[in-house]
Amino acid sequence: MANVVTTQSVTLEIESIFNSNRVTDLQRFLKKRQCLNFSNMIFEYMFHIIQTSGIIITTIAAGYNEKYLVWVGAGISSLASLVKVFESSNNAMLKKLLNDIKAIKAGTYVDEGSLVDDGKVAEPPAPRVAVAQAVKKIQGPSPEVTSRPAV
């Protein structure tokens, strides 16, 4: 009888730990989403300001035939593209967090981050074979193969 009571108390304790973990994860996810949303708003404004300044600099430089400033404008426009990449990366994280929040709400959440092994077996890298074949093509056939026996 004591064993049944101990098993039930252990089960209740484990369930309590899991519930506490879900609540902690939910709070952490909501804080992360808030931070990512705020940074995305900043990235959005930065992108438009940087891109517009790059276009203006490039246009003025082209008008005055200043080749150096044309490249500065192009570089600034590239910086704007980099800011857009950061924003896109944040959007991907936001979607993942939203899916985790929905899973917590539905009761199907499993605490597995991207660092957890998902059990997939990695395939051997195919480029090694392709590189070896390309090297053989570049080097050409070896002399032993191309020589014909005398008739």
Protein backbone atom coordinates (compact mmCIF):
# COMPACT_ATOMS: atom_id res chain seq x y z
CA MET A 1 0.00 0.00 0.00
CA ALA A 2 2.86 2.37 0.81
CA ASN A 3 4.36 1.69 -2.61
CA VAL A 4 1.15 2.88 -4.34
CA VAL A 5 1.13 6.12 -2.32
CA THR A 6 4.80 6.73 -3.13
CA THR A 7 4.19 6.10 -6.84
CA GLN A 8 1.26 8.52 -6.84
CA SER A 9 3.25 11.22 -5.04
CA VAL A 10 6.14 10.79 -7.47
CA THR A 11 3.74 11.03 -10.41
CA LEU A 12 2.16 14.19 -8.96
CA GLU A 13 5.59 15.73 -8.36
CA ILE A 14 6.68 14.98 -11.93
CA GLU A 15 3.47 16.47 -13.33
CA SER A 16 3.99 19.56 -11.18
CA ILE A 17 7.52 19.98 -12.55
CA PHE A 18 6.30 19.64 -16.16
CA ASN A 19 3.50 22.16 -15.61
CA SER A 20 5.93 24.59 -14.02
CA ASN A 21 8.30 24.15 -16.97
CA ARG A 22 5.49 24.87 -19.46
CA VAL A 23 4.55 28.09 -17.64
CA THR A 24 8.19 29.18 -17.46
CA ASP A 25 8.68 28.43 -21.16
CA LEU A 26 5.50 30.32 -22.06
CA GLN A 27 6.66 33.39 -20.13
CA ARG A 28 10.10 33.20 -21.73
CA PHE A 29 8.62 32.81 -25.23
CA LEU A 30 6.33 35.80 -24.75
CA LYS A 31 9.27 37.96 -23.62
CA LYS A 32 11.34 36.82 -26.61
CA ARG A 33 8.50 37.59 -29.02
CA GLN A 34 8.11 41.05 -27.52
CA CYS A 35 11.83 41.72 -27.92
CA LEU A 36 11.90 40.37 -31.49
CA ASN A 37 8.85 42.42 -32.47
CA PHE A 38 10.48 45.57 -31.11
CA SER A 39 13.76 44.86 -32.91
CA ASN A 40 11.90 44.10 -36.14
CA MET A 41 10.20 47.48 -35.93
CA ILE A 42 13.61 49.13 -35.60
CA PHE A 43 15.03 47.01 -38.44
CA GLU A 44 12.11 48.00 -40.67
CA TYR A 45 12.72 51.73 -40.15
CA MET A 46 16.49 51.27 -40.47
CA PHE A 47 16.07 49.39 -43.73
CA HIS A 48 14.01 52.14 -45.34
CA ILE A 49 16.27 54.94 -44.08
CA ILE A 50 19.49 53.20 -45.16
CA GLN A 51 18.08 52.08 -48.51
CA THR A 52 16.75 55.55 -49.30
CA SER A 53 20.04 57.20 -48.37
CA GLY A 54 21.94 54.71 -50.55
CA ILE A 55 19.69 55.43 -53.51
CA ILE A 56 19.97 59.20 -53.02
CA ILE A 57 23.77 59.07 -52.73
CA THR A 58 24.06 56.86 -55.81
CA THR A 59 21.75 59.11 -57.84
CA ILE A 60 23.54 62.33 -56.88
CA ALA A 61 26.96 60.74 -57.44
CA ALA A 62 25.93 59.49 -60.88
CA GLY A 63 24.65 62.95 -61.75
CA TYR A 64 27.97 64.57 -60.85
CA ASN A 65 30.02 61.68 -62.30
CA GLU A 66 31.59 60.85 -58.91
CA LYS A 67 32.53 57.19 -59.30
CA TYR A 68 33.72 56.84 -55.70
CA LEU A 69 30.40 58.06 -54.30
CA VAL A 70 28.49 55.72 -56.62
CA TRP A 71 30.27 52.81 -54.92
CA VAL A 72 29.59 54.33 -51.49
CA GLY A 73 25.90 54.46 -52.36
CA ALA A 74 25.97 50.88 -53.59
CA GLY A 75 27.67 49.83 -50.36
CA ILE A 76 25.04 51.59 -48.28
CA SER A 77 22.31 49.83 -50.27
CA SER A 78 24.06 46.52 -49.55
CA LEU A 79 24.01 47.39 -45.86
CA ALA A 80 20.25 47.90 -46.16
CA SER A 81 19.98 44.40 -47.62
CA LEU A 82 21.87 43.03 -44.64
CA VAL A 83 19.43 44.73 -42.27
CA LYS A 84 16.58 43.09 -44.23
CA VAL A 85 18.24 39.69 -43.74
CA PHE A 86 18.31 40.27 -39.97
CA GLU A 87 14.63 41.18 -40.07
CA SER A 88 13.81 38.01 -42.03
CA SER A 89 15.78 35.93 -39.54
CA ASN A 90 13.82 37.48 -36.68
CA ASN A 91 10.56 36.71 -38.49
CA ALA A 92 11.53 33.04 -38.72
CA MET A 93 12.24 32.98 -34.98
CA LEU A 94 8.91 34.71 -34.32
CA LYS A 95 7.05 32.01 -36.26
CA LYS A 96 8.82 29.24 -34.34
CA LEU A 97 8.01 30.89 -31.01
CA LEU A 98 4.38 31.39 -32.02
CA ASN A 99 4.10 27.70 -32.91
CA ASP A 100 5.58 26.79 -29.52
CA ILE A 101 3.12 29.10 -27.74
CA LYS A 102 0.21 27.52 -29.64
CA ALA A 103 1.50 24.06 -28.72
CA ILE A 104 1.66 25.03 -25.03
CA LYS A 105 -1.91 26.29 -25.23
CA ALA A 106 -3.07 23.10 -26.97
CA GLY A 107 -1.18 20.91 -24.50
CA THR A 108 1.00 19.32 -27.18
CA TYR A 109 4.21 21.23 -26.41
CA VAL A 110 7.40 19.18 -26.22
CA ASP A 111 10.44 20.99 -24.87
CA GLU A 112 12.83 20.35 -27.75
CA GLY A 113 14.98 23.13 -29.09
CA SER A 114 17.06 23.08 -32.24
CA LEU A 115 19.98 21.62 -30.27
CA VAL A 116 18.13 18.39 -29.52
CA ASP A 117 18.94 15.46 -31.81
CA ASP A 118 15.83 14.71 -33.87
CA GLY A 119 16.92 11.17 -34.68
CA LYS A 120 17.50 11.79 -38.38
CA VAL A 121 20.47 10.03 -39.91
CA ALA A 122 22.70 12.38 -41.85
CA GLU A 123 23.38 11.36 -45.40
CA PRO A 124 27.00 11.30 -46.54
CA PRO A 125 27.98 14.49 -48.33
CA ALA A 126 27.59 14.06 -52.07
CA PRO A 127 29.88 16.95 -53.08
CA ARG A 128 32.99 14.88 -52.26
CA VAL A 129 32.17 12.45 -55.04
CA ALA A 130 31.36 15.29 -57.42
CA VAL A 131 34.60 17.08 -56.54
CA ALA A 132 36.64 13.93 -57.13
CA GLN A 133 34.99 13.44 -60.53
CA ALA A 134 35.59 17.09 -61.45
CA VAL A 135 39.26 16.81 -60.49
CA LYS A 136 39.61 13.73 -62.70
CA LYS A 137 38.02 15.61 -65.61
CA ILE A 138 40.34 18.58 -65.13
CA GLN A 139 43.45 16.43 -64.88
CA GLY A 140 42.37 14.38 -67.86
CA PRO A 141 42.80 10.66 -68.31
CA SER A 142 46.00 9.15 -67.02
CA PRO A 143 48.61 8.14 -69.63
CA GLU A 144 48.29 4.45 -68.79
CA VAL A 145 44.64 4.47 -69.76
CA THR A 146 45.08 6.35 -73.04
CA SER A 147 48.03 4.36 -74.33
CA ARG A 148 47.14 1.57 -76.68
CA PRO A 149 49.06 -1.59 -77.00
CA ALA A 150 51.17 -1.86 -80.10
CA VAL A 151 49.67 -3.96 -82.86
